[in-house]
C-alpha atoms as a PDB file:
ATOM      1  CA  UNK A   1       3.430   6.458   5.493  1.00  0.00           C
ATOM      2  CA  UNK A   2       6.465   8.633   4.880  1.00  0.00           C
ATOM      3  CA  UNK A   3       7.016   9.303   8.592  1.00  0.00           C
ATOM      4  CA  UNK A   4       5.537   8.898  12.074  1.00  0.00           C
ATOM      5  CA  UNK A   5       4.419  12.530  11.907  1.00  0.00           C
ATOM      6  CA  UNK A   6       2.536  11.848   8.653  1.00  0.00           C
ATOM      7  CA  UNK A   7       0.855   8.780  10.167  1.00  0.00           C
ATOM      8  CA  UNK A   8      -0.136  10.754  13.281  1.00  0.00           C
ATOM      9  CA  UNK A   9      -1.584  13.599  11.171  1.00  0.00           C
ATOM     10  CA  UNK A  10      -3.654  11.204   9.089  1.00  0.00           C
ATOM     11  CA  UNK A  11      -5.025   9.469  12.178  1.00  0.00           C
ATOM     12  CA  UNK A  12      -5.883  12.863  13.716  1.00  0.00           C
ATOM     13  CA  UNK A  13      -7.947  13.631  10.600  1.00  0.00           C
ATOM     14  CA  UNK A  14      -9.725  10.259  10.880  1.00  0.00           C
ATOM     15  CA  UNK A  15     -10.380  10.736  14.628  1.00  0.00           C
ATOM     16  CA  UNK A  16     -11.735  14.233  14.020  1.00  0.00           C
ATOM     17  CA  UNK A  17     -14.202  12.837  11.472  1.00  0.00           C
ATOM     18  CA  UNK A  18     -15.262   9.979  13.756  1.00  0.00           C
ATOM     19  CA  UNK A  19     -15.665  12.322  16.738  1.00  0.00           C
ATOM     20  CA  UNK A  20     -17.948  14.544  14.653  1.00  0.00           C
ATOM     21  CA  UNK A  21     -20.185  11.719  13.437  1.00  0.00           C
ATOM     22  CA  UNK A  22     -18.499  10.101  10.457  1.00  0.00           C
ATOM     23  CA  UNK A  23     -18.697   6.332  10.195  1.00  0.00           C
ATOM     24  CA  UNK A  24     -15.397   4.453  10.120  1.00  0.00           C
ATOM     25  CA  UNK A  25     -16.465   1.500   7.971  1.00  0.00           C
ATOM     26  CA  UNK A  26     -13.017  -0.063   7.845  1.00  0.00           C
ATOM     27  CA  UNK A  27      -9.656   0.542   9.516  1.00  0.00           C
ATOM     28  CA  UNK A  28      -8.983   3.780  11.330  1.00  0.00           C
ATOM     29  CA  UNK A  29      -5.956   2.687  13.324  1.00  0.00           C
ATOM     30  CA  UNK A  30      -2.388   1.486  13.271  1.00  0.00           C
ATOM     31  CA  UNK A  31      -1.564  -2.137  12.537  1.00  0.00           C
ATOM     32  CA  UNK A  32       0.808  -3.860  14.914  1.00  0.00           C
ATOM     33  CA  UNK A  33       3.820  -3.572  12.627  1.00  0.00           C
ATOM     34  CA  UNK A  34       7.084  -1.732  13.038  1.00  0.00           C
ATOM     35  CA  UNK A  35       7.094   1.532  11.082  1.00  0.00           C
ATOM     36  CA  UNK A  36       4.721   4.342  10.201  1.00  0.00           C
ATOM     37  CA  UNK A  37       1.814   2.218   8.992  1.00  0.00           C
ATOM     38  CA  UNK A  38      -1.870   3.202   8.937  1.00  0.00           C
ATOM     39  CA  UNK A  39      -4.611   0.680   8.227  1.00  0.00           C
ATOM     40  CA  UNK A  40      -6.527   1.127   4.988  1.00  0.00           C
ATOM     41  CA  UNK A  41      -9.502   3.194   6.132  1.00  0.00           C
ATOM     42  CA  UNK A  42     -12.943   3.899   4.681  1.00  0.00           C
ATOM     43  CA  UNK A  43     -15.076   6.788   5.939  1.00  0.00           C
ATOM     44  CA  UNK A  44     -18.720   7.594   5.200  1.00  0.00           C
ATOM     45  CA  UNK A  45     -21.049  10.325   6.483  1.00  0.00           C
ATOM     46  CA  UNK A  46     -18.264  12.920   6.218  1.00  0.00           C
ATOM     47  CA  UNK A  47     -19.569  16.508   6.461  1.00  0.00           C
ATOM     48  CA  UNK A  48     -18.031  19.944   5.757  1.00  0.00           C
ATOM     49  CA  UNK A  49     -17.247  20.571   9.440  1.00  0.00           C
ATOM     50  CA  UNK A  50     -14.753  17.681   9.463  1.00  0.00           C
ATOM     51  CA  UNK A  51     -11.069  17.948   8.607  1.00  0.00           C
ATOM     52  CA  UNK A  52     -11.391  14.879   6.353  1.00  0.00           C
ATOM     53  CA  UNK A  53     -13.801  16.884   4.175  1.00  0.00           C
ATOM     54  CA  UNK A  54     -11.680  20.007   3.701  1.00  0.00           C
ATOM     55  CA  UNK A  55      -8.091  18.751   4.055  1.00  0.00           C
ATOM     56  CA  UNK A  56      -6.099  16.474   1.795  1.00  0.00           C
ATOM     57  CA  UNK A  57      -5.702  12.976   3.213  1.00  0.00           C
ATOM     58  CA  UNK A  58      -2.236  11.804   2.282  1.00  0.00           C
ATOM     59  CA  UNK A  59      -2.518   8.129   3.097  1.00  0.00           C
ATOM     60  CA  UNK A  60      -4.694   5.039   2.765  1.00  0.00           C
ATOM     61  CA  UNK A  61      -7.980   6.755   3.655  1.00  0.00           C
ATOM     62  CA  UNK A  62     -10.953   7.031   1.306  1.00  0.00           C
ATOM     63  CA  UNK A  63     -14.173   8.923   1.848  1.00  0.00           C
ATOM     64  CA  UNK A  64     -17.358   7.723   0.179  1.00  0.00           C
ATOM     65  CA  UNK A  65     -20.309  10.039  -0.461  1.00  0.00           C
ATOM     66  CA  UNK A  66     -23.807   9.179  -1.633  1.00  0.00           C
ATOM     67  CA  UNK A  67     -25.327  11.642  -4.112  1.00  0.00           C
ATOM     68  CA  UNK A  68     -28.661  11.757  -5.903  1.00  0.00           C
ATOM     69  CA  UNK A  69     -27.459  12.524  -9.417  1.00  0.00           C
ATOM     70  CA  UNK A  70     -24.706  13.719 -11.717  1.00  0.00           C
ATOM     71  CA  UNK A  71     -25.213  17.390 -10.865  1.00  0.00           C
ATOM     72  CA  UNK A  72     -24.886  16.727  -7.141  1.00  0.00           C
ATOM     73  CA  UNK A  73     -21.757  14.636  -7.727  1.00  0.00           C
ATOM     74  CA  UNK A  74     -20.120  17.428  -9.736  1.00  0.00           C
ATOM     75  CA  UNK A  75     -21.125  20.050  -7.149  1.00  0.00           C
ATOM     76  CA  UNK A  76     -19.649  17.929  -4.341  1.00  0.00           C
ATOM     77  CA  UNK A  77     -16.395  17.381  -6.223  1.00  0.00           C
ATOM     78  CA  UNK A  78     -16.083  21.057  -7.142  1.00  0.00           C
ATOM     79  CA  UNK A  79     -16.759  22.201  -3.554  1.00  0.00           C
ATOM     80  CA  UNK A  80     -13.220  21.163  -2.660  1.00  0.00           C
ATOM     81  CA  UNK A  81     -10.608  23.912  -2.344  1.00  0.00           C
ATOM     82  CA  UNK A  82      -8.234  21.508  -4.114  1.00  0.00           C
ATOM     83  CA  UNK A  83      -8.117  20.516  -7.751  1.00  0.00           C
ATOM     84  CA  UNK A  84      -5.181  18.291  -8.582  1.00  0.00           C
ATOM     85  CA  UNK A  85      -6.950  15.386 -10.221  1.00  0.00           C
ATOM     86  CA  UNK A  86     -10.120  13.388 -10.364  1.00  0.00           C
ATOM     87  CA  UNK A  87     -11.545  10.248 -11.864  1.00  0.00           C
ATOM     88  CA  UNK A  88     -14.865   9.495 -13.505  1.00  0.00           C
ATOM     89  CA  UNK A  89     -16.073   5.919 -13.795  1.00  0.00           C
ATOM     90  CA  UNK A  90     -18.922   5.316 -16.226  1.00  0.00           C
ATOM     91  CA  UNK A  91     -20.022   2.787 -18.828  1.00  0.00           C
ATOM     92  CA  UNK A  92     -21.262   5.610 -21.090  1.00  0.00           C
ATOM     93  CA  UNK A  93     -18.203   7.356 -22.593  1.00  0.00           C
ATOM     94  CA  UNK A  94     -20.150  10.486 -23.573  1.00  0.00           C
ATOM     95  CA  UNK A  95     -21.506  10.887 -20.057  1.00  0.00           C
ATOM     96  CA  UNK A  96     -18.019  10.344 -18.616  1.00  0.00           C
ATOM     97  CA  UNK A  97     -16.569  13.056 -20.889  1.00  0.00           C
ATOM     98  CA  UNK A  98     -19.403  15.428 -20.000  1.00  0.00           C
ATOM     99  CA  UNK A  99     -18.769  14.967 -16.273  1.00  0.00           C
ATOM    100  CA  UNK A 100     -14.985  15.216 -16.717  1.00  0.00           C
ATOM    101  CA  UNK A 101     -15.401  18.540 -18.532  1.00  0.00           C
ATOM    102  CA  UNK A 102     -17.393  19.913 -15.589  1.00  0.00           C
ATOM    103  CA  UNK A 103     -14.869  18.938 -12.916  1.00  0.00           C
ATOM    104  CA  UNK A 104     -12.626  21.694 -11.581  1.00  0.00           C
ATOM    105  CA  UNK A 105      -9.370  19.768 -11.669  1.00  0.00           C
ATOM    106  CA  UNK A 106      -6.073  20.021 -13.469  1.00  0.00           C
ATOM    107  CA  UNK A 107      -6.324  16.410 -14.624  1.00  0.00           C
ATOM    108  CA  UNK A 108      -9.222  13.965 -14.959  1.00  0.00           C
ATOM    109  CA  UNK A 109      -8.987  10.273 -15.820  1.00  0.00           C
ATOM    110  CA  UNK A 110     -11.906   8.286 -17.182  1.00  0.00           C
ATOM    111  CA  UNK A 111     -12.333   4.708 -15.969  1.00  0.00           C
ATOM    112  CA  UNK A 112      -8.887   4.738 -14.338  1.00  0.00           C
ATOM    113  CA  UNK A 113      -7.880   6.108 -10.930  1.00  0.00           C
ATOM    114  CA  UNK A 114      -4.736   7.965 -12.029  1.00  0.00           C
ATOM    115  CA  UNK A 115      -1.822   7.792 -14.421  1.00  0.00           C
ATOM    116  CA  UNK A 116       1.161   9.853 -15.419  1.00  0.00           C
ATOM    117  CA  UNK A 117       3.446   9.742 -18.404  1.00  0.00           C
ATOM    118  CA  UNK A 118       6.427  11.962 -19.159  1.00  0.00           C
ATOM    119  CA  UNK A 119       4.846  13.364 -22.312  1.00  0.00           C
ATOM    120  CA  UNK A 120       1.621  14.404 -20.537  1.00  0.00           C
ATOM    121  CA  UNK A 121       1.399  17.639 -18.542  1.00  0.00           C
ATOM    122  CA  UNK A 122       0.856  17.147 -14.794  1.00  0.00           C
ATOM    123  CA  UNK A 123      -0.553  19.766 -12.431  1.00  0.00           C
ATOM    124  CA  UNK A 124      -3.531  21.096 -10.529  1.00  0.00           C
ATOM    125  CA  UNK A 125      -5.659  24.164  -9.988  1.00  0.00           C
ATOM    126  CA  UNK A 126      -7.089  25.964  -6.939  1.00  0.00           C
ATOM    127  CA  UNK A 127      -5.023  25.162  -3.822  1.00  0.00           C
ATOM    128  CA  UNK A 128      -3.372  22.247  -5.649  1.00  0.00           C
ATOM    129  CA  UNK A 129      -0.994  24.548  -7.456  1.00  0.00           C
ATOM    130  CA  UNK A 130      -0.714  26.231 -10.780  1.00  0.00           C
ATOM    131  CA  UNK A 131       1.177  25.566 -13.955  1.00  0.00           C
ATOM    132  CA  UNK A 132       2.198  22.207 -15.309  1.00  0.00           C
ATOM    133  CA  UNK A 133       5.236  19.994 -15.235  1.00  0.00           C
ATOM    134  CA  UNK A 134       6.163  17.264 -17.727  1.00  0.00           C
ATOM    135  CA  UNK A 135       5.345  17.252 -21.425  1.00  0.00           C
ATOM    136  CA  UNK A 136       5.806  20.139 -23.850  1.00  0.00           C
ATOM    137  CA  UNK A 137       3.631  22.399 -21.686  1.00  0.00           C
ATOM    138  CA  UNK A 138       5.727  21.602 -18.618  1.00  0.00           C
ATOM    139  CA  UNK A 139       9.044  22.310 -20.297  1.00  0.00           C
ATOM    140  CA  UNK A 140       7.849  25.854 -21.012  1.00  0.00           C
ATOM    141  CA  UNK A 141       6.962  26.356 -17.320  1.00  0.00           C
ATOM    142  CA  UNK A 142      10.661  26.159 -16.466  1.00  0.00           C
ATOM    143  CA  UNK A 143      11.894  28.350 -19.319  1.00  0.00           C
ATOM    144  CA  UNK A 144      12.416  32.090 -19.298  1.00  0.00           C
ATOM    145  CA  UNK A 145      11.029  33.091 -22.644  1.00  0.00           C
ATOM    146  CA  UNK A 146      11.810  36.451 -24.146  1.00  0.00           C
ATOM    147  CA  UNK A 147      10.066  38.307 -26.945  1.00  0.00           C
ATOM    148  CA  UNK A 148      12.306  40.090 -29.410  1.00  0.00           C
ATOM    149  CA  UNK A 149      10.482  41.838 -32.238  1.00  0.00           C
ATOM    150  CA  UNK A 150      12.255  43.446 -35.148  1.00  0.00           C
ATOM    151  CA  UNK A 151      10.733  46.449 -36.834  1.00  0.00           C
ATOM    152  CA  UNK A 152      12.602  48.099 -39.691  1.00  0.00           C
ATOM    153  CA  UNK A 153      13.975  51.495 -38.698  1.00  0.00           C
ATOM    154  CA  UNK A 154      12.253  53.093 -41.696  1.00  0.00           C
ATOM    155  CA  UNK A 155       8.848  51.526 -41.014  1.00  0.00           C
ATOM    156  CA  UNK A 156       5.852  53.877 -40.754  1.00  0.00           C
ATOM    157  CA  UNK A 157       4.652  54.473 -37.161  1.00  0.00           C
ATOM    158  CA  UNK A 158       1.520  52.357 -37.782  1.00  0.00           C
ATOM    159  CA  UNK A 159       3.662  49.270 -38.369  1.00  0.00           C
ATOM    160  CA  UNK A 160       5.710  49.944 -35.240  1.00  0.00           C
ATOM    161  CA  UNK A 161       2.605  50.206 -33.032  1.00  0.00           C
ATOM    162  CA  UNK A 162       0.690  47.401 -34.757  1.00  0.00           C
END
């Protein structure tokens, strides 16, 4: 983790989930190593009343949900107040694209957990920010653009207003 404070925060989120009924399938603690380490952790049975459901987990913690179908999976993903990125894993490329289109996220990867390249815009929606950085779209985010429009001084008023 980036600091002891970050490790403590992550473990508080895991403890909150466990105290409220989540199952800690793997990990959930600190390894006996010097530094701000947290064990890789897997949570199931996470519900909306838990911090792990509604807060971003910045560390080696994954939550696994069981859903009945594609619609329920999309609804669960879109229930998050965050929308930086997501991933869809599917053998059927058309189905993967269909699900990706329905996800409320700034970026979605298909059959890959995440990737970034300088020429591709990077950014989220909802509480994960706005705008984009990187790529042509990102360059414009940091530019102050100005419109200057020339209209001939002798132009009829319709041309000036149009």
